[in-house]
Amino acid sequence: MDAKPTAGAVTDDAPAPQPAPGRAEARWAGASARPQAPGDPGVPEVRTAAAPEALQAPHAPQAPHASEALGAAGGPYLPPGPPAPTPAPPRPLARRLVAPLGTLAGVAAAFAYVGTVDPNEPGHYPVCPLLRFTGVYCPGCGGLRSAHAFVHGELGTAFGANALAVVGYGLFAVVMALWLVRAVRGVPMRLAISPAWWWGIGAVLALFTLVRNLPFGSALAP
């Protein structure tokens, strides 16, 4: 029979010793038992590799500062534009006088021809078609006779032939004088006539035509 072990006796069937936990397991166990504070030696450090695209991406342009977003007057900020072009040097005086002197020479030649060839003698100039077929004087009827008398210094005869033409001669002289002065000073000549002026000129021509064809306006007829 097997003898029973007595109290305090040592037997050979002692429990097998448990293996000690590894270093990694002990570290994770200690980490789970207390708060994971930054820099804690018991907390494993986890690092992630940065993406290559993020390292190589160019820096995004920064928004303008608040002081740059507004202009000097409080308006929107405008980036500086290209430099202003350098003004062209003025043309020589001879070239500036070509246009006005050429126009003046052409008009003077026309007046010289009309002054030489008398329009009061038939056969030199064509007849006004409106006067020929209707017997109505147009605004230009008598203009050649007025120019002929004006060249010879007969202002009364010129005004009686076509008063509106004599007014036109004066306006032309003013425009030519202004054009020559501007050309000498190097200022370009620009004539901008508004539609209201065109309507006014048309109304004057219509009224002049109407009056010179009525009995009480016979003084304006050629």
C-alpha atoms as a PDB file:
ATOM      1  CA  MET A   1       0.000   0.000   0.000  1.00  0.00           C
ATOM      2  CA  ASP A   2       1.075   3.499  -0.792  1.00  0.00           C
ATOM      3  CA  ALA A   3       1.934   5.587   2.207  1.00  0.00           C
ATOM      4  CA  LYS A   4      -0.008   8.870   2.465  1.00  0.00           C
ATOM      5  CA  PRO A   5       2.014  11.977   2.766  1.00  0.00           C
ATOM      6  CA  THR A   6       2.006  13.548   6.116  1.00  0.00           C
ATOM      7  CA  ALA A   7       1.663  17.227   6.892  1.00  0.00           C
ATOM      8  CA  GLY A   8       4.821  19.182   6.291  1.00  0.00           C
ATOM      9  CA  ALA A   9       6.346  16.499   4.168  1.00  0.00           C
ATOM     10  CA  VAL A  10       7.911  17.357   0.840  1.00  0.00           C
ATOM     11  CA  THR A  11       6.688  15.444  -2.093  1.00  0.00           C
ATOM     12  CA  ASP A  12       8.181  15.027  -5.492  1.00  0.00           C
ATOM     13  CA  ASP A  13       4.992  16.199  -7.284  1.00  0.00           C
ATOM     14  CA  ALA A  14       5.693  19.965  -6.921  1.00  0.00           C
ATOM     15  CA  PRO A  15       3.885  22.333  -9.368  1.00  0.00           C
ATOM     16  CA  ALA A  16       5.874  23.184 -12.500  1.00  0.00           C
ATOM     17  CA  PRO A  17       7.239  26.747 -12.481  1.00  0.00           C
ATOM     18  CA  GLN A  18       5.431  29.209 -14.863  1.00  0.00           C
ATOM     19  CA  PRO A  19       7.605  30.788 -17.518  1.00  0.00           C
ATOM     20  CA  ALA A  20       8.440  34.455 -16.854  1.00  0.00           C
ATOM     21  CA  PRO A  21       6.742  36.905 -19.169  1.00  0.00           C
ATOM     22  CA  GLY A  22       8.839  38.206 -22.008  1.00  0.00           C
ATOM     23  CA  ARG A  23      10.197  41.741 -22.163  1.00  0.00           C
ATOM     24  CA  ALA A  24       7.678  42.866 -24.765  1.00  0.00           C
ATOM     25  CA  GLU A  25       4.734  41.402 -22.891  1.00  0.00           C
ATOM     26  CA  ALA A  26       5.830  43.029 -19.641  1.00  0.00           C
ATOM     27  CA  ARG A  27       6.132  46.401 -21.423  1.00  0.00           C
ATOM     28  CA  TRP A  28       2.653  46.178 -22.905  1.00  0.00           C
ATOM     29  CA  ALA A  29       1.220  45.026 -19.584  1.00  0.00           C
ATOM     30  CA  GLY A  30       2.750  47.963 -17.763  1.00  0.00           C
ATOM     31  CA  ALA A  31       1.553  50.323 -20.403  1.00  0.00           C
ATOM     32  CA  SER A  32      -2.049  49.162 -20.103  1.00  0.00           C
ATOM     33  CA  ALA A  33      -1.980  49.455 -16.336  1.00  0.00           C
ATOM     34  CA  ARG A  34      -1.303  53.215 -16.194  1.00  0.00           C
ATOM     35  CA  PRO A  35      -2.127  56.298 -18.308  1.00  0.00           C
ATOM     36  CA  GLN A  36      -0.105  56.691 -21.421  1.00  0.00           C
ATOM     37  CA  ALA A  37       1.564  60.069 -20.990  1.00  0.00           C
ATOM     38  CA  PRO A  38       3.782  61.519 -23.706  1.00  0.00           C
ATOM     39  CA  GLY A  39       7.419  60.695 -23.134  1.00  0.00           C
ATOM     40  CA  ASP A  40       6.574  57.816 -20.811  1.00  0.00           C
ATOM     41  CA  PRO A  41       9.303  55.193 -21.214  1.00  0.00           C
ATOM     42  CA  GLY A  42       6.730  52.488 -20.746  1.00  0.00           C
ATOM     43  CA  VAL A  43       4.693  53.599 -23.761  1.00  0.00           C
ATOM     44  CA  PRO A  44       5.889  52.250 -27.080  1.00  0.00           C
ATOM     45  CA  GLU A  45       6.606  55.041 -29.557  1.00  0.00           C
ATOM     46  CA  VAL A  46       4.763  54.644 -32.821  1.00  0.00           C
ATOM     47  CA  ARG A  47       6.183  56.506 -35.783  1.00  0.00           C
ATOM     48  CA  THR A  48       4.656  56.844 -39.220  1.00  0.00           C
ATOM     49  CA  ALA A  49       6.666  57.574 -42.318  1.00  0.00           C
ATOM     50  CA  ALA A  50       5.728  60.795 -44.139  1.00  0.00           C
ATOM     51  CA  ALA A  51       4.484  60.442 -47.691  1.00  0.00           C
ATOM     52  CA  PRO A  52       7.080  61.332 -50.327  1.00  0.00           C
ATOM     53  CA  GLU A  53       4.522  63.549 -52.078  1.00  0.00           C
ATOM     54  CA  ALA A  54       4.094  65.675 -48.953  1.00  0.00           C
ATOM     55  CA  LEU A  55       7.822  66.205 -48.689  1.00  0.00           C
ATOM     56  CA  GLN A  56       8.182  67.162 -52.327  1.00  0.00           C
ATOM     57  CA  ALA A  57       5.007  69.283 -52.681  1.00  0.00           C
ATOM     58  CA  PRO A  58       5.703  72.999 -53.292  1.00  0.00           C
ATOM     59  CA  HIS A  59       4.562  75.539 -50.767  1.00  0.00           C
ATOM     60  CA  ALA A  60       1.098  76.946 -51.443  1.00  0.00           C
ATOM     61  CA  PRO A  61       0.975  80.709 -52.107  1.00  0.00           C
ATOM     62  CA  GLN A  62       0.069  82.664 -49.040  1.00  0.00           C
ATOM     63  CA  ALA A  63      -2.883  85.020 -49.019  1.00  0.00           C
ATOM     64  CA  PRO A  64      -2.007  88.751 -49.031  1.00  0.00           C
ATOM     65  CA  HIS A  65      -1.823  90.499 -45.715  1.00  0.00           C
ATOM     66  CA  ALA A  66      -4.803  92.500 -44.541  1.00  0.00           C
ATOM     67  CA  SER A  67      -2.925  95.750 -45.209  1.00  0.00           C
ATOM     68  CA  GLU A  68      -2.133  94.604 -48.762  1.00  0.00           C
ATOM     69  CA  ALA A  69      -5.687  93.417 -49.489  1.00  0.00           C
ATOM     70  CA  LEU A  70      -6.936  97.026 -49.495  1.00  0.00           C
ATOM     71  CA  GLY A  71      -5.632  99.865 -51.622  1.00  0.00           C
ATOM     72  CA  ALA A  72      -4.740 103.337 -50.461  1.00  0.00           C
ATOM     73  CA  ALA A  73      -8.380 104.505 -50.769  1.00  0.00           C
ATOM     74  CA  GLY A  74      -9.890 101.391 -49.153  1.00  0.00           C
ATOM     75  CA  GLY A  75     -10.611  99.671 -52.483  1.00  0.00           C
ATOM     76  CA  PRO A  76      -9.516  96.230 -53.610  1.00  0.00           C
ATOM     77  CA  TYR A  77      -5.828  95.538 -53.829  1.00  0.00           C
ATOM     78  CA  LEU A  78      -4.562  95.589 -57.402  1.00  0.00           C
ATOM     79  CA  PRO A  79      -1.153  94.209 -58.277  1.00  0.00           C
ATOM     80  CA  PRO A  80       1.189  96.625 -60.054  1.00  0.00           C
ATOM     81  CA  GLY A  81       0.676  96.563 -63.824  1.00  0.00           C
ATOM     82  CA  PRO A  82       3.200  96.914 -66.603  1.00  0.00           C
ATOM     83  CA  PRO A  83       5.097 100.196 -66.859  1.00  0.00           C
ATOM     84  CA  ALA A  84       3.497 102.985 -68.864  1.00  0.00           C
ATOM     85  CA  PRO A  85       4.700 103.184 -72.465  1.00  0.00           C
ATOM     86  CA  THR A  86       7.094 105.948 -73.327  1.00  0.00           C
ATOM     87  CA  PRO A  87       5.331 108.680 -75.363  1.00  0.00           C
ATOM     88  CA  ALA A  88       6.419 108.903 -78.957  1.00  0.00           C
ATOM     89  CA  PRO A  89       8.481 111.944 -79.885  1.00  0.00           C
ATOM     90  CA  PRO A  90       6.570 114.694 -81.748  1.00  0.00           C
ATOM     91  CA  ARG A  91       6.673 114.634 -85.523  1.00  0.00           C
ATOM     92  CA  PRO A  92       8.640 117.277 -87.399  1.00  0.00           C
ATOM     93  CA  LEU A  93       6.839 120.540 -88.117  1.00  0.00           C
ATOM     94  CA  ALA A  94       6.878 119.947 -91.878  1.00  0.00           C
ATOM     95  CA  ARG A  95       5.005 116.660 -91.493  1.00  0.00           C
ATOM     96  CA  ARG A  96       2.466 118.204 -89.110  1.00  0.00           C
ATOM     97  CA  LEU A  97       1.663 120.936 -91.635  1.00  0.00           C
ATOM     98  CA  VAL A  98       1.137 118.599 -94.594  1.00  0.00           C
ATOM     99  CA  ALA A  99      -2.565 117.897 -93.929  1.00  0.00           C
ATOM    100  CA  PRO A 100      -3.798 121.447 -93.145  1.00  0.00           C
ATOM    101  CA  LEU A 101      -1.719 123.093 -95.867  1.00  0.00           C
ATOM    102  CA  GLY A 102      -2.782 120.450 -98.395  1.00  0.00           C
ATOM    103  CA  THR A 103      -6.456 121.034 -97.563  1.00  0.00           C
ATOM    104  CA  LEU A 104      -6.015 124.787 -97.770  1.00  0.00           C
ATOM    105  CA  ALA A 105      -4.242 124.487-101.112  1.00  0.00           C
ATOM    106  CA  GLY A 106      -7.053 122.332-102.561  1.00  0.00           C
ATOM    107  CA  VAL A 107      -9.774 124.752-101.455  1.00  0.00           C
ATOM    108  CA  ALA A 108      -7.773 127.734-102.726  1.00  0.00           C
ATOM    109  CA  ALA A 109      -7.351 126.051-106.119  1.00  0.00           C
ATOM    110  CA  ALA A 110     -11.120 125.428-106.335  1.00  0.00           C
ATOM    111  CA  PHE A 111     -11.868 129.081-105.495  1.00  0.00           C
ATOM    112  CA  ALA A 112      -9.293 130.224-108.030  1.00  0.00           C
ATOM    113  CA  TYR A 113     -10.942 128.138-110.739  1.00  0.00           C
ATOM    114  CA  VAL A 114     -14.429 129.443-109.903  1.00  0.00           C
ATOM    115  CA  GLY A 115     -13.077 132.978-109.772  1.00  0.00           C
ATOM    116  CA  THR A 116     -11.538 132.555-113.218  1.00  0.00           C
ATOM    117  CA  VAL A 117     -14.413 130.724-114.922  1.00  0.00           C
ATOM    118  CA  ASP A 118     -17.562 132.813-114.394  1.00  0.00           C
ATOM    119  CA  PRO A 119     -20.563 130.657-113.396  1.00  0.00           C
ATOM    120  CA  ASN A 120     -22.927 133.415-114.514  1.00  0.00           C
ATOM    121  CA  GLU A 121     -22.176 132.405-118.111  1.00  0.00           C
ATOM    122  CA  PRO A 122     -24.040 129.198-119.035  1.00  0.00           C
ATOM    123  CA  GLY A 123     -22.251 126.129-120.254  1.00  0.00           C
ATOM    124  CA  HIS A 124     -19.338 126.068-117.814  1.00  0.00           C
ATOM    125  CA  TYR A 125     -20.942 124.168-114.896  1.00  0.00           C
ATOM    126  CA  PRO A 126     -23.753 121.547-114.685  1.00  0.00           C
ATOM    127  CA  VAL A 127     -27.241 122.744-113.750  1.00  0.00           C
ATOM    128  CA  CYS A 128     -28.719 121.737-110.370  1.00  0.00           C
ATOM    129  CA  PRO A 129     -30.968 118.693-111.089  1.00  0.00           C
ATOM    130  CA  LEU A 130     -33.550 119.722-108.433  1.00  0.00           C
ATOM    131  CA  LEU A 131     -33.900 123.197-109.952  1.00  0.00           C
ATOM    132  CA  ARG A 132     -34.004 121.806-113.497  1.00  0.00           C
ATOM    133  CA  PHE A 133     -36.789 119.253-112.921  1.00  0.00           C
ATOM    134  CA  THR A 134     -38.830 120.888-110.139  1.00  0.00           C
ATOM    135  CA  GLY A 135     -37.923 124.584-110.209  1.00  0.00           C
ATOM    136  CA  VAL A 136     -37.146 124.481-106.457  1.00  0.00           C
ATOM    137  CA  TYR A 137     -33.960 126.028-105.141  1.00  0.00           C
ATOM    138  CA  CYS A 138     -31.856 123.630-103.055  1.00  0.00           C
ATOM    139  CA  PRO A 139     -29.607 124.879-100.221  1.00  0.00           C
ATOM    140  CA  GLY A 140     -26.617 124.893-102.609  1.00  0.00           C
ATOM    141  CA  CYS A 141     -28.180 126.788-105.485  1.00  0.00           C
ATOM    142  CA  GLY A 142     -26.229 129.962-106.192  1.00  0.00           C
ATOM    143  CA  GLY A 143     -23.149 128.656-104.362  1.00  0.00           C
ATOM    144  CA  LEU A 144     -20.856 128.921-107.381  1.00  0.00           C
ATOM    145  CA  ARG A 145     -22.001 132.467-108.145  1.00  0.00           C
ATOM    146  CA  SER A 146     -21.516 133.317-104.480  1.00  0.00           C
ATOM    147  CA  ALA A 147     -17.958 131.933-104.553  1.00  0.00           C
ATOM    148  CA  HIS A 148     -17.189 133.860-107.766  1.00  0.00           C
ATOM    149  CA  ALA A 149     -18.354 137.123-106.214  1.00  0.00           C
ATOM    150  CA  PHE A 150     -16.521 136.359-102.955  1.00  0.00           C
ATOM    151  CA  VAL A 151     -13.221 135.848-104.792  1.00  0.00           C
ATOM    152  CA  HIS A 152     -13.642 139.222-106.509  1.00  0.00           C
ATOM    153  CA  GLY A 153     -14.462 140.923-103.191  1.00  0.00           C
ATOM    154  CA  GLU A 154     -18.149 141.528-103.958  1.00  0.00           C
ATOM    155  CA  LEU A 155     -19.521 140.478-100.548  1.00  0.00           C
ATOM    156  CA  GLY A 156     -23.025 141.906-101.118  1.00  0.00           C
ATOM    157  CA  THR A 157     -23.437 139.974-104.384  1.00  0.00           C
ATOM    158  CA  ALA A 158     -22.015 136.860-102.733  1.00  0.00           C
ATOM    159  CA  PHE A 159     -24.478 137.130 -99.837  1.00  0.00           C
ATOM    160  CA  GLY A 160     -27.421 137.650-102.205  1.00  0.00           C
ATOM    161  CA  ALA A 161     -26.484 134.599-104.282  1.00  0.00           C
ATOM    162  CA  ASN A 162     -26.241 132.249-101.310  1.00  0.00           C
ATOM    163  CA  ALA A 163     -26.116 133.684 -97.793  1.00  0.00           C
ATOM    164  CA  LEU A 164     -25.579 130.269 -96.221  1.00  0.00           C
ATOM    165  CA  ALA A 165     -22.514 129.700 -98.410  1.00  0.00           C
ATOM    166  CA  VAL A 166     -20.954 132.952 -97.176  1.00  0.00           C
ATOM    167  CA  VAL A 167     -21.470 131.805 -93.568  1.00  0.00           C
ATOM    168  CA  GLY A 168     -19.793 128.543 -94.532  1.00  0.00           C
ATOM    169  CA  TYR A 169     -16.779 130.426 -95.872  1.00  0.00           C
ATOM    170  CA  GLY A 170     -16.324 132.144 -92.527  1.00  0.00           C
ATOM    171  CA  LEU A 171     -16.624 128.873 -90.567  1.00  0.00           C
ATOM    172  CA  PHE A 172     -14.107 127.238 -92.883  1.00  0.00           C
ATOM    173  CA  ALA A 173     -11.626 130.071 -92.296  1.00  0.00           C
ATOM    174  CA  VAL A 174     -11.968 129.674 -88.506  1.00  0.00           C
ATOM    175  CA  VAL A 175     -11.456 125.904 -88.669  1.00  0.00           C
ATOM    176  CA  MET A 176      -8.413 126.248 -90.910  1.00  0.00           C
ATOM    177  CA  ALA A 177      -6.818 128.823 -88.617  1.00  0.00           C
ATOM    178  CA  LEU A 178      -7.407 126.589 -85.588  1.00  0.00           C
ATOM    179  CA  TRP A 179      -6.013 123.579 -87.446  1.00  0.00           C
ATOM    180  CA  LEU A 180      -2.830 125.425 -88.427  1.00  0.00           C
ATOM    181  CA  VAL A 181      -2.230 126.691 -84.891  1.00  0.00           C
ATOM    182  CA  ARG A 182      -2.670 123.214 -83.437  1.00  0.00           C
ATOM    183  CA  ALA A 183      -0.377 121.703 -86.061  1.00  0.00           C
ATOM    184  CA  VAL A 184       2.379 124.178 -85.174  1.00  0.00           C
ATOM    185  CA  ARG A 185       2.016 123.396 -81.466  1.00  0.00           C
ATOM    186  CA  GLY A 186       1.955 119.645 -82.086  1.00  0.00           C
ATOM    187  CA  VAL A 187      -1.626 119.163 -80.826  1.00  0.00           C
ATOM    188  CA  PRO A 188      -3.803 116.817 -82.939  1.00  0.00           C
ATOM    189  CA  MET A 189      -6.936 118.293 -84.504  1.00  0.00           C
ATOM    190  CA  ARG A 190     -10.156 116.417 -83.729  1.00  0.00           C
ATOM    191  CA  LEU A 191     -13.666 117.586 -84.606  1.00  0.00           C
ATOM    192  CA  ALA A 192     -16.299 115.676 -82.661  1.00  0.00           C
ATOM    193  CA  ILE A 193     -19.819 116.847 -83.569  1.00  0.00           C
ATOM    194  CA  SER A 194     -22.612 115.518 -81.388  1.00  0.00           C
ATOM    195  CA  PRO A 195     -25.903 114.283 -82.928  1.00  0.00           C
ATOM    196  CA  ALA A 196     -27.663 117.372 -81.571  1.00  0.00           C
ATOM    197  CA  TRP A 197     -25.442 119.586 -83.735  1.00  0.00           C
ATOM    198  CA  TRP A 198     -26.164 117.468 -86.817  1.00  0.00           C
ATOM    199  CA  TRP A 199     -29.892 117.799 -86.185  1.00  0.00           C
ATOM    200  CA  GLY A 200     -29.435 121.546 -85.761  1.00  0.00           C
ATOM    201  CA  ILE A 201     -27.532 121.868 -89.043  1.00  0.00           C
ATOM    202  CA  GLY A 202     -30.211 119.849 -90.833  1.00  0.00           C
ATOM    203  CA  ALA A 203     -32.928 122.085 -89.390  1.00  0.00           C
ATOM    204  CA  VAL A 204     -31.100 125.231 -90.567  1.00  0.00           C
ATOM    205  CA  LEU A 205     -30.689 123.832 -94.090  1.00  0.00           C
ATOM    206  CA  ALA A 206     -34.369 122.854 -94.261  1.00  0.00           C
ATOM    207  CA  LEU A 207     -35.502 126.283 -93.011  1.00  0.00           C
ATOM    208  CA  PHE A 208     -33.185 128.099 -95.425  1.00  0.00           C
ATOM    209  CA  THR A 209     -34.509 126.030 -98.330  1.00  0.00           C
ATOM    210  CA  LEU A 210     -38.111 126.684 -97.346  1.00  0.00           C
ATOM    211  CA  VAL A 211     -37.694 130.429 -96.888  1.00  0.00           C
ATOM    212  CA  ARG A 212     -35.806 131.071-100.135  1.00  0.00           C
ATOM    213  CA  ASN A 213     -38.522 129.321-102.150  1.00  0.00           C
ATOM    214  CA  LEU A 214     -41.355 131.411-100.649  1.00  0.00           C
ATOM    215  CA  PRO A 215     -42.361 134.863-101.983  1.00  0.00           C
ATOM    216  CA  PHE A 216     -41.310 136.792 -98.841  1.00  0.00           C
ATOM    217  CA  GLY A 217     -37.860 135.099 -98.968  1.00  0.00           C
ATOM    218  CA  SER A 218     -37.010 136.049-102.525  1.00  0.00           C
ATOM    219  CA  ALA A 219     -34.031 138.082-101.212  1.00  0.00           C
ATOM    220  CA  LEU A 220     -32.334 134.760-100.350  1.00  0.00           C
ATOM    221  CA  ALA A 221     -32.982 133.282-103.807  1.00  0.00           C
ATOM    222  CA  PRO A 222     -30.071 133.380-106.300  1.00  0.00           C
END
